[in-house]
PDB file of N, CA and C in Angstrom:
ATOM      1  N   MET A   1     -29.302 -38.301  15.023  1.00  0.00           N
ATOM      2  CA  MET A   1     -28.028 -37.877  14.824  1.00  0.00           C
ATOM      3  C   MET A   1     -27.855 -36.402  15.086  1.00  0.00           C
ATOM      4  N   ARG A   2     -26.868 -35.918  15.855  1.00  0.00           N
ATOM      5  CA  ARG A   2     -26.700 -34.583  16.173  1.00  0.00           C
ATOM      6  C   ARG A   2     -26.098 -33.770  14.849  1.00  0.00           C
ATOM      7  N   LYS A   3     -26.758 -32.623  14.583  1.00  0.00           N
ATOM      8  CA  LYS A   3     -26.286 -31.876  13.426  1.00  0.00           C
ATOM      9  C   LYS A   3     -25.171 -31.010  13.835  1.00  0.00           C
ATOM     10  N   SER A   4     -24.138 -30.855  12.962  1.00  0.00           N
ATOM     11  CA  SER A   4     -22.808 -30.201  13.197  1.00  0.00           C
ATOM     12  C   SER A   4     -23.036 -28.725  13.331  1.00  0.00           C
ATOM     13  N   LYS A   5     -22.306 -28.089  14.089  1.00  0.00           N
ATOM     14  CA  LYS A   5     -22.351 -26.489  14.102  1.00  0.00           C
ATOM     15  C   LYS A   5     -21.850 -25.950  12.869  1.00  0.00           C
ATOM     16  N   PHE A   6     -20.966 -26.620  12.154  1.00  0.00           N
ATOM     17  CA  PHE A   6     -20.356 -26.148  10.986  1.00  0.00           C
ATOM     18  C   PHE A   6     -20.887 -26.918   9.686  1.00  0.00           C
ATOM     19  N   SER A   7     -21.058 -26.130   8.611  1.00  0.00           N
ATOM     20  CA  SER A   7     -21.483 -26.732   7.428  1.00  0.00           C
ATOM     21  C   SER A   7     -20.290 -27.337   6.612  1.00  0.00           C
ATOM     22  N   GLU A   8     -20.455 -28.078   5.587  1.00  0.00           N
ATOM     23  CA  GLU A   8     -19.442 -28.790   4.919  1.00  0.00           C
ATOM     24  C   GLU A   8     -18.469 -27.670   4.332  1.00  0.00           C
ATOM     25  N   VAL A   9     -18.880 -26.555   3.857  1.00  0.00           N
ATOM     26  CA  VAL A   9     -18.123 -25.366   3.282  1.00  0.00           C
ATOM     27  C   VAL A   9     -17.298 -24.813   4.320  1.00  0.00           C
ATOM     28  N   GLN A  10     -17.788 -24.589   5.524  1.00  0.00           N
ATOM     29  CA  GLN A  10     -17.040 -24.028   6.688  1.00  0.00           C
ATOM     30  C   GLN A  10     -15.853 -24.988   7.058  1.00  0.00           C
ATOM     31  N   ILE A  11     -16.159 -26.332   7.199  1.00  0.00           N
ATOM     32  CA  ILE A  11     -15.159 -27.184   7.437  1.00  0.00           C
ATOM     33  C   ILE A  11     -14.095 -27.293   6.419  1.00  0.00           C
ATOM     34  N   ALA A  12     -14.367 -27.260   5.176  1.00  0.00           N
ATOM     35  CA  ALA A  12     -13.341 -27.206   4.216  1.00  0.00           C
ATOM     36  C   ALA A  12     -12.388 -26.080   4.213  1.00  0.00           C
ATOM     37  N   ALA A  13     -13.063 -24.941   4.550  1.00  0.00           N
ATOM     38  CA  ALA A  13     -12.382 -23.665   4.672  1.00  0.00           C
ATOM     39  C   ALA A  13     -11.353 -23.777   5.917  1.00  0.00           C
ATOM     40  N   ILE A  14     -11.881 -24.423   7.001  1.00  0.00           N
ATOM     41  CA  ILE A  14     -11.062 -24.490   8.181  1.00  0.00           C
ATOM     42  C   ILE A  14      -9.854 -25.380   7.887  1.00  0.00           C
ATOM     43  N   LEU A  15     -10.064 -26.428   7.133  1.00  0.00           N
ATOM     44  CA  LEU A  15      -8.987 -27.376   6.791  1.00  0.00           C
ATOM     45  C   LEU A  15      -8.096 -26.704   5.821  1.00  0.00           C
ATOM     46  N   LYS A  16      -8.542 -25.943   4.853  1.00  0.00           N
ATOM     47  CA  LYS A  16      -7.549 -25.245   4.013  1.00  0.00           C
ATOM     48  C   LYS A  16      -6.800 -24.275   4.663  1.00  0.00           C
ATOM     49  N   GLU A  17      -7.266 -23.647   5.739  1.00  0.00           N
ATOM     50  CA  GLU A  17      -6.486 -22.626   6.526  1.00  0.00           C
ATOM     51  C   GLU A  17      -5.252 -23.319   7.091  1.00  0.00           C
ATOM     52  N   ALA A  18      -5.566 -24.542   7.680  1.00  0.00           N
ATOM     53  CA  ALA A  18      -4.431 -25.209   8.415  1.00  0.00           C
ATOM     54  C   ALA A  18      -3.502 -25.848   7.275  1.00  0.00           C
ATOM     55  N   GLU A  19      -3.871 -26.110   6.124  1.00  0.00           N
ATOM     56  CA  GLU A  19      -2.991 -26.562   5.016  1.00  0.00           C
ATOM     57  C   GLU A  19      -2.213 -25.412   4.560  1.00  0.00           C
ATOM     58  N   ALA A  20      -2.590 -24.252   4.631  1.00  0.00           N
ATOM     59  CA  ALA A  20      -1.956 -22.979   4.322  1.00  0.00           C
ATOM     60  C   ALA A  20      -0.662 -22.659   5.232  1.00  0.00           C
ATOM     61  N   GLY A  21      -0.536 -23.488   6.315  1.00  0.00           N
ATOM     62  CA  GLY A  21       0.655 -23.307   7.174  1.00  0.00           C
ATOM     63  C   GLY A  21       0.359 -22.924   8.628  1.00  0.00           C
ATOM     64  N   VAL A  22      -0.931 -22.524   8.905  1.00  0.00           N
ATOM     65  CA  VAL A  22      -1.352 -22.082  10.221  1.00  0.00           C
ATOM     66  C   VAL A  22      -1.253 -23.322  11.228  1.00  0.00           C
ATOM     67  N   ALA A  23      -0.790 -23.301  12.340  1.00  0.00           N
ATOM     68  CA  ALA A  23      -0.667 -24.329  13.347  1.00  0.00           C
ATOM     69  C   ALA A  23      -2.220 -24.839  13.693  1.00  0.00           C
ATOM     70  N   VAL A  24      -2.202 -26.137  13.672  1.00  0.00           N
ATOM     71  CA  VAL A  24      -3.562 -26.814  14.020  1.00  0.00           C
ATOM     72  C   VAL A  24      -4.089 -26.246  15.462  1.00  0.00           C
ATOM     73  N   THR A  25      -3.331 -26.104  16.398  1.00  0.00           N
ATOM     74  CA  THR A  25      -3.793 -25.679  17.574  1.00  0.00           C
ATOM     75  C   THR A  25      -4.356 -24.167  17.455  1.00  0.00           C
ATOM     76  N   GLU A  26      -3.597 -23.397  16.716  1.00  0.00           N
ATOM     77  CA  GLU A  26      -4.170 -22.010  16.441  1.00  0.00           C
ATOM     78  C   GLU A  26      -5.514 -22.078  15.647  1.00  0.00           C
ATOM     79  N   VAL A  27      -5.678 -22.884  14.750  1.00  0.00           N
ATOM     80  CA  VAL A  27      -6.925 -22.825  13.958  1.00  0.00           C
ATOM     81  C   VAL A  27      -7.898 -23.342  14.813  1.00  0.00           C
ATOM     82  N   ALA A  28      -7.749 -24.325  15.572  1.00  0.00           N
ATOM     83  CA  ALA A  28      -8.735 -25.041  16.460  1.00  0.00           C
ATOM     84  C   ALA A  28      -9.258 -24.054  17.523  1.00  0.00           C
ATOM     85  N   ARG A  29      -8.162 -23.197  18.047  1.00  0.00           N
ATOM     86  CA  ARG A  29      -8.652 -22.226  19.140  1.00  0.00           C
ATOM     87  C   ARG A  29      -9.446 -21.087  18.405  1.00  0.00           C
ATOM     88  N   LYS A  30      -9.060 -20.714  17.299  1.00  0.00           N
ATOM     89  CA  LYS A  30      -9.593 -19.556  16.567  1.00  0.00           C
ATOM     90  C   LYS A  30     -11.124 -19.891  16.324  1.00  0.00           C
ATOM     91  N   HIS A  31     -11.447 -21.182  15.929  1.00  0.00           N
ATOM     92  CA  HIS A  31     -12.825 -21.485  15.404  1.00  0.00           C
ATOM     93  C   HIS A  31     -13.597 -22.175  16.585  1.00  0.00           C
ATOM     94  N   GLY A  32     -13.069 -22.402  17.672  1.00  0.00           N
ATOM     95  CA  GLY A  32     -13.768 -22.934  18.820  1.00  0.00           C
ATOM     96  C   GLY A  32     -13.916 -24.511  18.714  1.00  0.00           C
ATOM     97  N   ILE A  33     -13.010 -25.105  18.190  1.00  0.00           N
ATOM     98  CA  ILE A  33     -13.101 -26.645  17.988  1.00  0.00           C
ATOM     99  C   ILE A  33     -11.902 -27.315  18.779  1.00  0.00           C
ATOM    100  N   SER A  34     -11.963 -28.434  18.974  1.00  0.00           N
ATOM    101  CA  SER A  34     -10.871 -29.187  19.690  1.00  0.00           C
ATOM    102  C   SER A  34      -9.917 -29.703  18.543  1.00  0.00           C
ATOM    103  N   ALA A  35      -8.604 -30.002  18.831  1.00  0.00           N
ATOM    104  CA  ALA A  35      -7.774 -30.495  17.951  1.00  0.00           C
ATOM    105  C   ALA A  35      -8.361 -31.843  17.399  1.00  0.00           C
ATOM    106  N   ALA A  36      -8.901 -32.689  18.200  1.00  0.00           N
ATOM    107  CA  ALA A  36      -9.386 -34.061  17.855  1.00  0.00           C
ATOM    108  C   ALA A  36     -10.408 -33.868  16.825  1.00  0.00           C
ATOM    109  N   THR A  37     -11.145 -32.896  17.005  1.00  0.00           N
ATOM    110  CA  THR A  37     -12.412 -32.588  16.002  1.00  0.00           C
ATOM    111  C   THR A  37     -11.702 -32.258  14.581  1.00  0.00           C
ATOM    112  N   PHE A  38     -10.562 -31.508  14.695  1.00  0.00           N
ATOM    113  CA  PHE A  38      -9.866 -31.118  13.420  1.00  0.00           C
ATOM    114  C   PHE A  38      -9.485 -32.366  12.697  1.00  0.00           C
ATOM    115  N   TYR A  39      -8.824 -33.260  13.466  1.00  0.00           N
ATOM    116  CA  TYR A  39      -8.190 -34.340  12.924  1.00  0.00           C
ATOM    117  C   TYR A  39      -9.123 -35.339  12.423  1.00  0.00           C
ATOM    118  N   GLN A  40     -10.406 -35.374  13.114  1.00  0.00           N
ATOM    119  CA  GLN A  40     -11.590 -36.200  12.558  1.00  0.00           C
ATOM    120  C   GLN A  40     -11.978 -35.737  11.232  1.00  0.00           C
ATOM    121  N   TRP A  41     -12.141 -34.485  11.123  1.00  0.00           N
ATOM    122  CA  TRP A  41     -12.600 -33.842   9.851  1.00  0.00           C
ATOM    123  C   TRP A  41     -11.621 -34.119   8.665  1.00  0.00           C
ATOM    124  N   ARG A  42     -10.416 -33.925   9.137  1.00  0.00           N
ATOM    125  CA  ARG A  42      -9.231 -34.193   8.122  1.00  0.00           C
ATOM    126  C   ARG A  42      -9.338 -35.708   7.636  1.00  0.00           C
ATOM    127  N   SER A  43      -9.624 -36.537   8.574  1.00  0.00           N
ATOM    128  CA  SER A  43      -9.518 -37.983   8.085  1.00  0.00           C
ATOM    129  C   SER A  43     -10.711 -38.258   7.119  1.00  0.00           C
ATOM    130  N   LYS A  44     -11.827 -37.619   7.169  1.00  0.00           N
ATOM    131  CA  LYS A  44     -13.001 -37.850   6.337  1.00  0.00           C
ATOM    132  C   LYS A  44     -12.636 -37.121   5.026  1.00  0.00           C
TER     133      LYS A  44
END
């Protein structure tokens, strides 16, 4: 299985950033991930 570029802690920080009110597209672009990846992380 492929290892993620981001650790669990980094993923949590990215999700919290979006929870704080920043647009998902903005967060995704800033961290170099797709919106789909963001939503997959959030569902977990």
